[in-house]
Amino acid sequence: MPELPEVEGVVRSLAPAASGRTICNVTVSETVAASKAAGKEAIVKGLSIDRFSAELAGYTIEAVTRRSKYIYFHLIKDNACRLLVSHLGMTGAWFVVNAISEIREQKFRNHIHAIFQFEDGGLLVYSDIRRFGELRLLTCEQDHPPLTLMAPEPFDPGAEEFFIGKSNQGNYAKKAIKEVIMDGQVISGCGNIYATEALFRMRIHPKRSSGRISIQRKRQLFREIVTVLDESIQAGGSSISDYRNSNGEAGSMQNRLQMYGRKVCPRCGAETASIQIANRTSTYCKKCQH
């Protein structure tokens, strides 16, 4: 699943390509339409396909920003403002092109589920191979309460103190530190990949309970998380599976990962181990992480 750095990469490529352009028509795939007709909420959430498409017509994309792992398209028409929120799920991808044929990889062309046509003839295309992503058209964040519960951005002032306070509260203190780090209400945007890397760098066992880690060490851990996230942003994210930015470009952080997906510890040479934490596979070194 794309994490903060990958979503940031998408936003950085989307913003200059899509901002200032006006949507005149929206087409949703027959696959999504059939799912909605069967009573399932595939990709287009909260609205019927007809209403989703009709309400977007005439809106101009004023800006494209990121909040945690979500992409926010800020829309404006006359004096009315709307917010199109996108979560990429496992395999979601955005492309800004003049024709579908410009999308380089066949697998993305085969799984297009929403096409936003601009008045100038260009296309904003959403592809999603496994269809776990979502699109929500809102008036504001408060229309979808889970968005208001997200932790501060890890780079923002106060995010470290928020993490320290939250991780010491009630049930969080009893949970495995890996699960705490991956909780978006504690730290925004840090998932399995970068939690694995930060814990390895800090030599902390992923299953150690949050309450058994000192405040000083938690501060160091938080700063290591921020460092790892920033390194990945600079590398364009990790293209381990289907992540691409809106230009179809892959990131390179996967080549720098020391523990995620590794069979051998780069520090001591021992075989790595894996356990399940919060339904995710956590790779770690038994010798280096305690």
Protein backbone atom coordinates (compact mmCIF):
# COMPACT_ATOMS: atom_id res chain seq x y z
CA MET A 1 0.00 0.00 0.00
CA PRO A 2 1.43 3.41 -0.90
CA GLU A 3 2.57 5.29 2.20
CA LEU A 4 3.23 8.98 2.78
CA PRO A 5 6.32 9.25 0.50
CA GLU A 6 4.59 7.52 -2.42
CA VAL A 7 1.47 9.67 -2.09
CA GLU A 8 3.67 12.76 -1.84
CA GLY A 9 5.34 11.72 -5.09
CA VAL A 10 1.97 11.41 -6.81
CA VAL A 11 0.88 14.82 -5.53
CA ARG A 12 4.12 16.51 -6.62
CA SER A 13 3.63 15.24 -10.16
CA LEU A 14 -0.15 15.76 -10.22
CA ALA A 15 -0.26 19.32 -8.89
CA PRO A 16 1.47 21.12 -11.78
CA ALA A 17 -0.21 18.91 -14.39
CA ALA A 18 -3.80 19.15 -13.13
CA SER A 19 -4.11 22.47 -11.28
CA GLY A 20 -6.03 25.18 -13.09
CA ARG A 21 -7.81 22.76 -15.41
CA THR A 22 -11.60 22.42 -15.55
CA ILE A 23 -13.46 19.11 -15.55
CA CYS A 24 -16.19 18.86 -18.19
CA ASN A 25 -17.06 15.18 -18.03
CA VAL A 26 -16.45 12.13 -15.83
CA THR A 27 -16.65 8.52 -17.01
CA VAL A 28 -16.64 5.62 -14.55
CA SER A 29 -15.85 2.06 -15.61
CA GLU A 30 -18.52 -0.59 -16.15
CA THR A 31 -16.76 -2.71 -13.52
CA VAL A 32 -17.36 -0.06 -10.85
CA ALA A 33 -20.88 0.56 -12.12
CA ALA A 34 -21.72 -3.15 -11.84
CA SER A 35 -20.28 -3.25 -8.33
CA LYS A 36 -22.36 -0.24 -7.27
CA ALA A 37 -25.48 -1.81 -8.82
CA ALA A 38 -24.84 -4.91 -6.71
CA GLY A 39 -24.79 -2.77 -3.57
CA LYS A 40 -21.02 -2.65 -3.14
CA GLU A 41 -19.00 0.54 -2.66
CA ALA A 42 -16.20 -0.02 -5.17
CA ILE A 43 -13.91 3.03 -5.59
CA VAL A 44 -16.66 5.67 -5.84
CA LYS A 45 -17.82 6.07 -2.25
CA GLY A 46 -20.85 7.79 -0.77
CA LEU A 47 -22.54 8.84 -4.03
CA SER A 48 -24.17 7.11 -6.97
CA ILE A 49 -22.05 7.11 -10.11
CA ASP A 50 -24.50 9.40 -11.90
CA ARG A 51 -24.44 11.94 -9.11
CA PHE A 52 -20.67 11.71 -8.69
CA SER A 53 -20.14 12.40 -12.39
CA ALA A 54 -22.77 15.14 -12.65
CA GLU A 55 -21.61 17.05 -9.57
CA LEU A 56 -17.99 17.20 -10.73
CA ALA A 57 -18.79 18.75 -14.11
CA GLY A 58 -17.70 22.38 -14.36
CA TYR A 59 -15.36 22.35 -11.36
CA THR A 60 -11.81 23.60 -11.73
CA ILE A 61 -8.97 21.92 -9.85
CA GLU A 62 -7.60 24.78 -7.79
CA ALA A 63 -4.87 22.77 -6.05
CA VAL A 64 -3.73 19.22 -5.32
CA THR A 65 -2.38 18.51 -1.83
CA ARG A 66 -1.62 15.57 0.45
CA ARG A 67 -2.93 14.76 3.91
CA SER A 68 -1.37 11.62 5.41
CA LYS A 69 -1.95 8.92 2.74
CA TYR A 70 -4.81 10.81 1.06
CA ILE A 71 -4.75 13.01 -2.04
CA TYR A 72 -6.95 16.12 -1.85
CA PHE A 73 -8.18 17.73 -5.06
CA HIS A 74 -9.41 21.21 -4.08
CA LEU A 75 -12.20 22.15 -6.49
CA ILE A 76 -13.93 25.45 -7.20
CA LYS A 77 -16.86 26.53 -9.42
CA ASP A 78 -18.12 30.08 -9.13
CA ASN A 79 -18.16 30.55 -5.34
CA ALA A 80 -18.69 26.88 -4.52
CA CYS A 81 -15.84 24.74 -3.17
CA ARG A 82 -15.66 20.95 -3.10
CA LEU A 83 -13.06 18.43 -2.04
CA LEU A 84 -12.34 15.27 -4.04
CA VAL A 85 -10.50 12.87 -1.74
CA SER A 86 -8.53 9.95 -3.15
CA HIS A 87 -6.99 7.02 -1.33
CA LEU A 88 -4.84 4.77 -3.52
CA GLY A 89 -5.56 1.55 -1.63
CA MET A 90 -3.08 -1.14 -2.68
CA THR A 91 -2.68 -0.41 -6.39
CA GLY A 92 -4.28 2.94 -7.24
CA ALA A 93 -2.49 5.22 -9.72
CA TRP A 94 -3.21 8.62 -11.31
CA PHE A 95 -2.13 9.74 -14.77
CA VAL A 96 -2.46 13.07 -16.60
CA VAL A 97 -2.37 12.43 -20.33
CA ASN A 98 -3.77 13.58 -23.65
CA ALA A 99 -4.75 10.04 -24.63
CA ILE A 100 -5.03 6.68 -22.85
CA SER A 101 -2.32 5.30 -25.12
CA GLU A 102 0.19 7.58 -23.35
CA ILE A 103 -0.07 5.44 -20.19
CA ARG A 104 3.04 3.31 -20.65
CA GLU A 105 2.17 0.09 -18.83
CA GLN A 106 -0.58 -2.19 -20.11
CA LYS A 107 -1.60 -3.29 -16.61
CA PHE A 108 -2.65 0.26 -15.77
CA ARG A 109 -4.44 0.73 -19.09
CA ASN A 110 -6.37 -2.50 -18.43
CA HIS A 111 -7.73 -1.30 -15.09
CA ILE A 112 -8.91 2.27 -15.66
CA HIS A 113 -11.91 3.04 -13.48
CA ALA A 114 -12.40 6.80 -13.74
CA ILE A 115 -11.60 9.28 -16.51
CA PHE A 116 -11.94 13.00 -15.83
CA GLN A 117 -12.00 14.89 -19.13
CA PHE A 118 -10.75 18.46 -19.06
CA GLU A 119 -12.24 21.26 -21.12
CA ASP A 120 -8.89 21.58 -22.92
CA GLY A 121 -9.11 17.96 -24.09
CA GLY A 122 -6.66 16.46 -21.61
CA LEU A 123 -7.46 13.54 -19.33
CA LEU A 124 -7.01 12.86 -15.62
CA VAL A 125 -7.11 9.07 -15.29
CA TYR A 126 -7.51 6.86 -12.22
CA SER A 127 -6.39 3.23 -12.57
CA ASP A 128 -6.67 0.61 -9.83
CA ILE A 129 -5.72 -3.01 -10.46
CA ARG A 130 -7.20 -4.45 -7.25
CA ARG A 131 -9.90 -1.78 -6.76
CA PHE A 132 -9.17 -1.16 -3.06
CA GLY A 133 -8.78 2.60 -3.59
CA GLU A 134 -11.51 5.17 -3.12
CA LEU A 135 -12.82 8.46 -4.45
CA ARG A 136 -15.05 10.66 -2.29
CA LEU A 137 -16.60 13.96 -3.31
CA LEU A 138 -17.11 16.09 -0.18
CA THR A 139 -17.93 19.64 0.77
CA CYS A 140 -15.20 19.54 3.42
CA GLU A 141 -13.20 17.08 5.55
CA GLN A 142 -15.92 17.03 8.20
CA ASP A 143 -18.24 15.28 5.74
CA HIS A 144 -16.13 12.15 6.26
CA PRO A 145 -15.30 12.02 10.01
CA PRO A 146 -12.32 9.58 9.75
CA LEU A 147 -10.39 12.33 7.96
CA THR A 148 -10.68 14.57 11.01
CA LEU A 149 -9.10 11.92 13.27
CA MET A 150 -5.77 11.80 11.47
CA ALA A 151 -2.65 12.62 13.46
CA PRO A 152 -0.62 15.75 12.58
CA GLU A 153 1.73 15.49 9.63
CA PRO A 154 5.02 14.03 10.94
CA PHE A 155 6.95 17.06 9.64
CA ASP A 156 4.68 19.57 11.43
CA PRO A 157 5.57 21.33 14.70
CA GLY A 158 3.94 19.48 17.56
CA ALA A 159 3.82 16.10 15.79
CA GLU A 160 6.54 14.65 18.00
CA GLU A 161 4.79 15.67 21.22
CA PHE A 162 1.52 14.34 19.83
CA PHE A 163 3.18 10.98 19.16
CA ILE A 164 4.75 10.83 22.62
CA GLY A 165 1.46 11.65 24.33
CA LYS A 166 -0.69 9.33 22.24
CA SER A 167 1.68 6.36 22.40
CA ASN A 168 1.62 6.48 26.21
CA GLN A 169 -2.17 6.56 26.47
CA GLY A 170 -4.29 3.60 27.63
CA ASN A 171 -4.43 0.83 25.06
CA TYR A 172 -1.67 2.33 22.92
CA ALA A 173 0.85 1.75 25.73
CA LYS A 174 -0.05 -1.96 25.68
CA LYS A 175 0.19 -2.38 21.91
CA ALA A 176 3.24 -3.45 19.92
CA ILE A 177 5.25 -0.39 18.91
CA LYS A 178 5.00 -1.43 15.23
CA GLU A 179 1.21 -1.34 15.43
CA VAL A 180 1.30 2.06 17.15
CA ILE A 181 3.56 3.54 14.47
CA MET A 182 1.27 2.27 11.69
CA ASP A 183 -1.83 3.80 13.33
CA GLY A 184 -2.74 6.95 11.40
CA GLN A 185 -4.23 8.49 14.52
CA VAL A 186 -0.78 8.39 16.15
CA ILE A 187 1.51 9.20 13.19
CA SER A 188 0.19 10.22 9.79
CA GLY A 189 1.31 8.29 6.76
CA CYS A 190 3.76 5.74 8.19
CA GLY A 191 2.90 2.19 7.17
CA ASN A 192 4.60 -1.18 7.13
CA ILE A 193 7.60 -0.29 4.97
CA TYR A 194 8.87 2.74 6.85
CA ALA A 195 7.90 1.46 10.31
CA THR A 196 10.03 -1.61 9.57
CA GLU A 197 12.98 0.53 8.50
CA ALA A 198 12.82 2.96 11.43
CA LEU A 199 12.58 0.16 14.00
CA PHE A 200 15.56 -1.61 12.45
CA ARG A 201 17.64 1.56 12.54
CA MET A 202 16.69 2.03 16.19
CA ARG A 203 17.34 -1.68 17.02
CA ILE A 204 13.83 -1.98 18.50
CA HIS A 205 11.88 -5.23 18.25
CA PRO A 206 8.61 -4.54 16.40
CA LYS A 207 6.56 -6.40 19.01
CA ARG A 208 7.95 -4.54 22.02
CA SER A 209 5.06 -2.84 23.78
CA SER A 210 4.93 0.92 23.41
CA GLY A 211 4.79 1.40 27.18
CA ARG A 212 8.13 -0.40 27.60
CA ILE A 213 10.02 2.15 25.54
CA SER A 214 11.41 5.22 27.31
CA ILE A 215 10.33 8.72 26.36
CA GLN A 216 13.88 9.53 25.24
CA ARG A 217 14.00 6.49 22.99
CA LYS A 218 10.56 7.27 21.59
CA ARG A 219 11.76 10.74 20.66
CA GLN A 220 14.70 9.20 18.84
CA LEU A 221 12.37 6.74 17.13
CA PHE A 222 10.00 9.48 16.00
CA ARG A 223 12.89 11.47 14.54
CA GLU A 224 14.17 8.34 12.76
CA ILE A 225 10.69 7.84 11.25
CA VAL A 226 10.73 11.41 9.97
CA THR A 227 14.23 10.88 8.54
CA VAL A 228 13.21 7.67 6.74
CA LEU A 229 10.07 9.28 5.33
CA ASP A 230 12.04 12.27 4.10
CA GLU A 231 14.71 10.06 2.51
CA SER A 232 12.00 8.18 0.67
CA ILE A 233 10.34 11.39 -0.55
CA GLN A 234 13.67 12.51 -1.97
CA ALA A 235 14.05 9.10 -3.67
CA GLY A 236 10.58 9.29 -5.21
CA GLY A 237 9.11 6.63 -2.92
CA SER A 238 9.37 2.84 -3.01
CA SER A 239 8.16 1.07 -6.18
CA ILE A 240 7.94 -2.41 -4.67
CA SER A 241 4.81 -3.37 -6.58
CA ASP A 242 2.50 -1.09 -8.57
CA TYR A 243 3.39 2.39 -7.35
CA ARG A 244 3.95 5.02 -10.05
CA ASN A 245 3.63 8.81 -9.96
CA SER A 246 1.30 10.58 -12.39
CA ASN A 247 4.05 10.60 -15.04
CA GLY A 248 4.29 6.82 -14.82
CA GLU A 249 7.68 7.01 -13.09
CA ALA A 250 8.85 4.59 -10.40
CA GLY A 251 10.66 5.54 -7.21
CA SER A 252 14.03 4.18 -6.06
CA MET A 253 13.75 3.95 -2.26
CA GLN A 254 13.24 0.17 -2.53
CA ASN A 255 16.92 -0.08 -3.42
CA ARG A 256 17.89 1.59 -0.13
CA LEU A 257 15.66 -0.40 2.24
CA GLN A 258 17.75 -2.30 4.78
CA MET A 259 15.15 -4.56 6.44
CA TYR A 260 11.79 -4.51 4.66
CA GLY A 261 11.55 -7.66 2.53
CA ARG A 262 15.14 -8.70 3.28
CA LYS A 263 16.20 -12.30 3.95
CA VAL A 264 19.51 -11.41 5.58
CA CYS A 265 20.30 -8.65 8.08
CA PRO A 266 22.75 -6.15 6.51
CA ARG A 267 24.14 -5.33 9.94
CA CYS A 268 25.03 -8.78 11.36
CA GLY A 269 24.46 -11.19 8.47
CA ALA A 270 21.88 -13.30 10.31
CA GLU A 271 18.72 -14.55 8.62
CA THR A 272 15.80 -12.22 9.24
CA ALA A 273 12.56 -13.33 10.91
CA SER A 274 8.93 -12.46 10.26
CA ILE A 275 5.88 -12.12 12.49
CA GLN A 276 2.34 -10.85 12.00
CA ILE A 277 1.51 -7.54 13.67
CA ALA A 278 -1.79 -5.79 12.95
CA ASN A 279 -2.35 -8.16 10.02
CA ARG A 280 0.90 -7.10 8.36
CA THR A 281 4.08 -9.11 7.96
CA SER A 282 6.84 -7.56 10.04
CA THR A 283 10.42 -8.41 9.12
CA TYR A 284 13.12 -7.95 11.75
CA CYS A 285 16.48 -9.23 12.98
CA LYS A 286 16.41 -11.39 16.10
CA LYS A 287 20.02 -10.48 16.93
CA CYS A 288 19.92 -6.72 16.33
CA GLN A 289 16.41 -5.81 17.49
CA HIS A 290 15.32 -6.22 21.10
